[in-house]
Amino acid sequence: MRLTEFWTRMQEQFGVAYAESIATDQVLSELGGRSVRDALATGEDPKVVWRAVCAAFDVPARNR
């Protein structure tokens, strides 16, 4: 998954403002206690990050 696809999915699922809030403010245990932005900045695969977001926010299977 490319970063552009990751951000498109985030915005489609949560809306632009809330997606940004999640990415910046939420610390996810699935990402080793990092935020989405921190995980991506340190080179984490966007697909891994998306899966962590899906698990943390109960994203429906059809949107994963």
Protein backbone atom coordinates (compact mmCIF):
# COMPACT_ATOMS: atom_id res chain seq x y z
CA MET A 1 0.00 0.00 0.00
CA ARG A 2 1.30 3.45 -0.90
CA LEU A 3 1.04 6.41 1.43
CA THR A 4 -1.46 8.09 -0.89
CA GLU A 5 -3.77 5.08 -0.67
CA PHE A 6 -3.34 5.00 3.11
CA TRP A 7 -4.38 8.65 3.47
CA THR A 8 -7.28 8.19 1.05
CA ARG A 9 -8.59 5.30 3.14
CA MET A 10 -8.15 7.28 6.36
CA GLN A 11 -10.09 10.23 4.98
CA GLU A 12 -12.83 8.08 3.46
CA GLN A 13 -13.29 6.17 6.70
CA PHE A 14 -13.05 9.02 9.21
CA GLY A 15 -13.35 12.30 7.30
CA VAL A 16 -10.51 14.72 6.74
CA ALA A 17 -10.43 16.41 10.17
CA TYR A 18 -10.93 13.28 12.26
CA ALA A 19 -8.40 11.30 10.19
CA GLU A 20 -5.81 13.97 10.95
CA SER A 21 -6.71 13.89 14.64
CA ILE A 22 -6.38 10.11 14.78
CA ALA A 23 -3.06 10.22 12.95
CA THR A 24 -1.59 12.82 15.26
CA ASP A 25 -3.23 12.38 18.65
CA GLN A 26 -3.95 8.67 19.10
CA VAL A 27 -1.22 6.38 20.38
CA LEU A 28 -1.82 2.81 19.26
CA SER A 29 -0.47 -0.20 21.13
CA GLU A 30 -0.42 -2.10 17.81
CA LEU A 31 2.20 0.41 16.65
CA GLY A 32 4.40 0.02 19.69
CA GLY A 33 2.87 2.97 21.52
CA ARG A 34 3.36 5.35 18.59
CA SER A 35 0.94 7.55 16.72
CA VAL A 36 0.14 6.90 13.07
CA ARG A 37 2.29 9.85 12.02
CA ASP A 38 5.22 8.71 14.17
CA ALA A 39 5.02 5.16 12.84
CA LEU A 40 4.94 6.32 9.23
CA ALA A 41 7.76 8.80 9.85
CA THR A 42 9.99 6.01 11.16
CA GLY A 43 9.37 3.90 8.07
CA GLU A 44 6.59 1.58 9.17
CA ASP A 45 4.79 0.01 6.21
CA PRO A 46 1.53 1.92 5.57
CA LYS A 47 -0.28 -1.42 5.26
CA VAL A 48 0.79 -2.37 8.78
CA VAL A 49 -0.32 1.03 10.05
CA TRP A 50 -3.69 0.74 8.29
CA ARG A 51 -4.26 -2.68 9.87
CA ALA A 52 -3.48 -1.22 13.29
CA VAL A 53 -5.96 1.62 12.70
CA CYS A 54 -8.60 -0.88 11.55
CA ALA A 55 -8.13 -2.96 14.69
CA ALA A 56 -8.13 0.01 17.06
CA PHE A 57 -11.21 1.67 15.55
CA ASP A 58 -13.22 -1.41 14.55
CA VAL A 59 -13.24 -0.52 10.87
CA PRO A 60 -15.76 -2.80 9.11
CA ALA A 61 -14.23 -5.63 7.12
CA ARG A 62 -15.63 -4.26 3.84
CA ASN A 63 -13.56 -1.07 4.35
CA ARG A 64 -10.32 -2.76 5.24
